[in-house]
Amino acid sequence: MTFWELLAALLRRWPILLVGALVTALAGYAVVSDRGVYFTRTEIVFLAPTSSANPNALRTQSEDIIDLAGVVAKRLTGPGEVTKYASPDVMLAGLGVRDGWSLGLPDTGGQWGTNFATQQLVLDIVAPTRERVQEQQDELVGQIMTQLHELQSDKGVDPVNEVTAIVAPQTTIIHHVGGSRPRALGMTAVLGLGATVAAVTFLEYRKRRALWDRAARHGQPAGEVA
């Protein structure tokens, strides 16, 4: 089909052209009105109790504390299976999530194995507004601290020997992510035009195929089909 044949087909099938333009315009309006999302990543570091023999809690690494951090996370996220990613640096905002949170131990084992090497939890939060991100972070960090204390209190751990936790960074850094509106609008227009042209081309092909089949049944040469 030549350019002029395609143009004539678009004019003949103007209802499809009109619907395509309308859908493209609505999609473009949705793209332009999108304000993006806000996200933050917070690390909750679990610390061993200090003593004269262990004055620096940050330097003390323990598999028991790592296990304790995992139990605290499970108390908040529930018993469901945790989605495994190839890298612990994957963030919810990069996955297309627009409103939600995740909590867990950073797994550096790659795609085919597990390796929990640090006694910290990574809290990812993404939401439509900055205020919502801050609100969820305050609530979830509070729940983490409460669960950590209750776990040890239920086991009769003396407060002086309790594992504690700190939030890093202490000052919440909330980022905004949003695409380029001109680029998104341009791509929407290209996709809308492409879909419309594809629909018209398919209908024209089906029409010509039907004419060829009819001509073949009547012994008419294909080149004489109108």
Protein backbone atom coordinates (compact mmCIF):
# COMPACT_ATOMS: atom_id res chain seq x y z
CA MET A 1 0.00 0.00 0.00
CA THR A 2 1.47 3.34 -1.09
CA PHE A 3 1.32 6.54 0.95
CA TRP A 4 -1.51 7.95 -1.15
CA GLU A 5 -3.46 4.69 -0.91
CA LEU A 6 -3.04 4.77 2.85
CA LEU A 7 -4.17 8.39 2.99
CA ALA A 8 -7.26 7.56 0.92
CA ALA A 9 -7.99 4.59 3.19
CA LEU A 10 -7.77 6.80 6.27
CA LEU A 11 -10.20 9.26 4.73
CA ARG A 12 -12.63 6.47 3.78
CA ARG A 13 -12.49 5.07 7.26
CA TRP A 14 -12.75 8.40 9.02
CA PRO A 15 -14.71 6.98 12.01
CA ILE A 16 -11.66 4.87 12.94
CA LEU A 17 -9.44 7.91 12.45
CA LEU A 18 -11.73 9.93 14.73
CA VAL A 19 -11.79 7.26 17.45
CA GLY A 20 -8.01 6.92 17.26
CA ALA A 21 -7.54 10.67 17.61
CA LEU A 22 -9.94 10.78 20.57
CA VAL A 23 -8.24 7.90 22.40
CA THR A 24 -4.82 9.41 21.73
CA ALA A 25 -5.98 12.79 23.05
CA LEU A 26 -7.33 11.19 26.24
CA ALA A 27 -4.09 9.27 26.74
CA GLY A 28 -2.10 12.44 26.15
CA TYR A 29 -4.16 14.30 28.74
CA ALA A 30 -3.52 11.53 31.26
CA VAL A 31 0.22 11.73 30.56
CA VAL A 32 0.34 15.50 30.92
CA SER A 33 -1.68 15.49 34.15
CA ASP A 34 0.53 12.84 35.79
CA ARG A 35 2.53 14.42 38.61
CA GLY A 36 4.89 11.53 39.23
CA VAL A 37 5.54 9.86 42.58
CA TYR A 38 7.64 10.35 45.69
CA PHE A 39 9.85 7.70 47.24
CA THR A 40 12.38 7.13 49.98
CA ARG A 41 14.67 4.32 51.09
CA THR A 42 15.51 3.93 54.76
CA GLU A 43 17.85 1.48 56.49
CA ILE A 44 17.07 0.29 60.01
CA VAL A 45 20.32 -0.95 61.52
CA PHE A 46 20.10 -3.47 64.37
CA LEU A 47 22.70 -3.04 67.12
CA ALA A 48 24.04 -5.51 69.66
CA PRO A 49 23.97 -4.42 73.32
CA THR A 50 27.14 -2.59 74.33
CA SER A 51 29.47 -3.54 77.13
CA SER A 52 33.04 -2.93 78.27
CA ALA A 53 34.13 -5.75 75.96
CA ASN A 54 31.91 -4.50 73.13
CA PRO A 55 31.84 -0.69 73.25
CA ASN A 56 31.05 -0.19 69.55
CA ALA A 57 27.73 -1.77 68.61
CA LEU A 58 28.08 -0.75 64.95
CA ARG A 59 31.09 -3.01 64.47
CA THR A 60 29.50 -6.11 65.98
CA GLN A 61 28.10 -8.51 63.40
CA SER A 62 26.02 -11.51 64.44
CA GLU A 63 23.94 -14.07 62.56
CA ASP A 64 21.55 -14.10 65.51
CA ILE A 65 20.89 -10.39 65.10
CA ILE A 66 20.41 -10.86 61.35
CA ASP A 67 17.84 -13.58 62.10
CA LEU A 68 16.13 -11.30 64.61
CA ALA A 69 15.88 -8.53 61.99
CA GLY A 70 14.31 -11.01 59.57
CA VAL A 71 11.73 -12.07 62.17
CA VAL A 72 10.81 -8.43 62.82
CA ALA A 73 10.32 -7.86 59.08
CA LYS A 74 8.12 -10.95 58.76
CA ARG A 75 5.92 -9.72 61.60
CA LEU A 76 5.10 -6.64 59.53
CA THR A 77 4.99 -8.11 56.02
CA GLY A 78 3.25 -11.37 56.86
CA PRO A 79 4.09 -14.98 55.96
CA GLY A 80 3.81 -14.55 52.19
CA GLU A 81 6.71 -15.32 49.88
CA VAL A 82 9.16 -12.47 49.33
CA THR A 83 9.77 -11.52 45.70
CA LYS A 84 13.36 -12.25 44.71
CA TYR A 85 15.29 -9.77 42.53
CA ALA A 86 18.72 -10.05 40.96
CA SER A 87 20.01 -7.09 42.98
CA PRO A 88 19.13 -5.66 46.42
CA ASP A 89 19.33 -2.17 44.89
CA VAL A 90 16.00 -2.65 43.07
CA MET A 91 13.49 -0.08 44.32
CA LEU A 92 9.70 0.00 44.20
CA ALA A 93 9.66 3.21 42.16
CA GLY A 94 11.80 1.50 39.51
CA LEU A 95 9.35 -1.39 39.36
CA GLY A 96 6.46 0.92 38.46
CA VAL A 97 4.79 0.81 41.89
CA ARG A 98 3.02 4.08 42.60
CA ASP A 99 1.74 3.54 46.11
CA GLY A 100 3.16 0.92 48.47
CA TRP A 101 6.04 -0.19 50.68
CA SER A 102 8.41 -3.10 51.13
CA LEU A 103 10.54 -4.23 54.04
CA GLY A 104 13.19 -6.92 54.23
CA LEU A 105 16.80 -7.95 54.66
CA PRO A 106 19.04 -6.98 51.73
CA ASP A 107 19.76 -10.19 49.81
CA THR A 108 23.14 -10.08 48.05
CA GLY A 109 23.00 -13.67 46.87
CA GLY A 110 22.01 -12.79 43.31
CA GLN A 111 19.19 -14.33 41.32
CA TRP A 112 19.83 -18.00 42.16
CA GLY A 113 20.88 -17.91 45.82
CA THR A 114 20.39 -16.08 49.10
CA ASN A 115 22.92 -14.26 51.26
CA PHE A 116 21.84 -12.10 54.19
CA ALA A 117 25.11 -10.55 55.31
CA THR A 118 24.05 -7.40 57.17
CA GLN A 119 21.92 -6.91 60.27
CA GLN A 120 19.72 -4.23 58.81
CA LEU A 121 16.31 -3.90 57.21
CA VAL A 122 15.69 -1.90 54.06
CA LEU A 123 12.40 0.01 54.02
CA ASP A 124 11.19 1.25 50.62
CA ILE A 125 8.19 3.57 50.42
CA VAL A 126 6.55 5.09 47.35
CA ALA A 127 3.41 7.26 47.33
CA PRO A 128 1.70 9.97 45.25
CA THR A 129 2.58 12.73 47.75
CA ARG A 130 5.55 13.69 49.91
CA GLU A 131 3.32 13.86 52.98
CA ARG A 132 2.09 10.29 52.45
CA VAL A 133 5.66 8.99 52.21
CA GLN A 134 6.62 10.72 55.47
CA GLU A 135 3.49 9.48 57.22
CA GLN A 136 4.07 5.87 56.19
CA GLN A 137 7.74 6.01 57.15
CA ASP A 138 6.96 7.29 60.64
CA GLU A 139 4.29 4.64 61.11
CA LEU A 140 6.38 1.71 59.83
CA VAL A 141 9.55 2.67 61.72
CA GLY A 142 7.46 2.91 64.88
CA GLN A 143 6.04 -0.56 64.26
CA ILE A 144 9.53 -1.97 63.68
CA MET A 145 10.77 -0.59 66.99
CA THR A 146 7.69 -1.88 68.80
CA GLN A 147 7.99 -5.37 67.34
CA LEU A 148 11.70 -5.51 68.18
CA HIS A 149 11.04 -4.62 71.81
CA GLU A 150 8.07 -6.97 72.17
CA LEU A 151 9.98 -9.93 70.72
CA GLN A 152 12.70 -9.57 73.33
CA SER A 153 10.39 -8.65 76.16
CA ASP A 154 8.29 -11.78 75.55
CA LYS A 155 11.47 -13.88 75.88
CA GLY A 156 12.41 -12.21 79.16
CA VAL A 157 15.46 -10.34 77.84
CA ASP A 158 16.70 -7.79 80.34
CA PRO A 159 16.46 -4.25 78.89
CA VAL A 160 20.20 -3.74 79.33
CA ASN A 161 20.84 -6.72 77.05
CA GLU A 162 18.27 -5.89 74.39
CA VAL A 163 19.17 -5.50 70.73
CA THR A 164 18.31 -1.96 69.64
CA ALA A 165 17.90 -0.30 66.24
CA ILE A 166 18.64 3.06 64.66
CA VAL A 167 17.36 4.64 61.48
CA ALA A 168 19.80 5.69 58.77
CA PRO A 169 19.71 8.32 57.54
CA GLN A 170 18.14 9.98 60.58
CA THR A 171 16.85 12.80 58.39
CA THR A 172 14.38 11.49 55.83
CA ILE A 173 15.35 12.21 52.22
CA ILE A 174 12.30 12.03 49.97
CA HIS A 175 12.86 12.03 46.21
CA HIS A 176 10.46 12.90 43.42
CA VAL A 177 10.48 10.96 40.17
CA GLY A 178 8.55 11.88 37.05
CA GLY A 179 9.07 11.52 33.32
CA SER A 180 9.53 14.20 30.69
CA ARG A 181 6.07 15.41 29.70
CA PRO A 182 7.03 16.52 26.16
CA ARG A 183 8.69 13.17 25.45
CA ALA A 184 5.82 11.20 26.96
CA LEU A 185 3.29 13.25 24.97
CA GLY A 186 5.26 12.74 21.76
CA MET A 187 5.52 8.98 22.31
CA THR A 188 1.79 8.81 23.06
CA ALA A 189 1.05 10.58 19.78
CA VAL A 190 3.34 8.22 17.85
CA LEU A 191 1.76 5.13 19.44
CA GLY A 192 -1.76 6.44 18.84
CA LEU A 193 -1.06 7.21 15.19
CA GLY A 194 0.64 3.85 14.72
CA ALA A 195 -2.30 1.97 16.25
CA THR A 196 -4.77 3.86 14.07
CA VAL A 197 -2.79 3.24 10.88
CA ALA A 198 -2.39 -0.43 11.82
CA ALA A 199 -6.16 -0.80 12.32
CA VAL A 200 -6.96 0.82 8.97
CA THR A 201 -4.29 -1.20 7.18
CA PHE A 202 -5.64 -4.44 8.65
CA LEU A 203 -9.21 -3.62 7.57
CA GLU A 204 -8.04 -2.70 4.07
CA TYR A 205 -6.06 -5.92 3.81
CA ARG A 206 -9.04 -7.96 4.97
CA LYS A 207 -11.27 -6.20 2.46
CA ARG A 208 -8.85 -6.82 -0.42
CA ARG A 209 -8.37 -10.44 0.64
CA ALA A 210 -12.13 -10.95 0.56
CA LEU A 211 -12.29 -9.43 -2.94
CA TRP A 212 -9.44 -11.65 -4.13
CA ASP A 213 -11.13 -14.75 -2.75
CA ARG A 214 -14.41 -13.80 -4.43
CA ALA A 215 -12.62 -13.11 -7.71
CA ALA A 216 -10.84 -16.45 -7.48
CA ARG A 217 -14.13 -18.28 -7.01
CA HIS A 218 -15.49 -16.64 -10.17
CA GLY A 219 -12.32 -17.13 -12.21
CA GLN A 220 -11.59 -13.39 -12.37
CA PRO A 221 -7.89 -12.39 -12.50
CA ALA A 222 -6.72 -10.84 -9.25
CA GLY A 223 -5.40 -7.78 -11.04
CA GLU A 224 -8.93 -6.87 -12.18
CA VAL A 225 -10.27 -6.68 -8.63
CA ALA A 226 -11.37 -3.12 -7.81
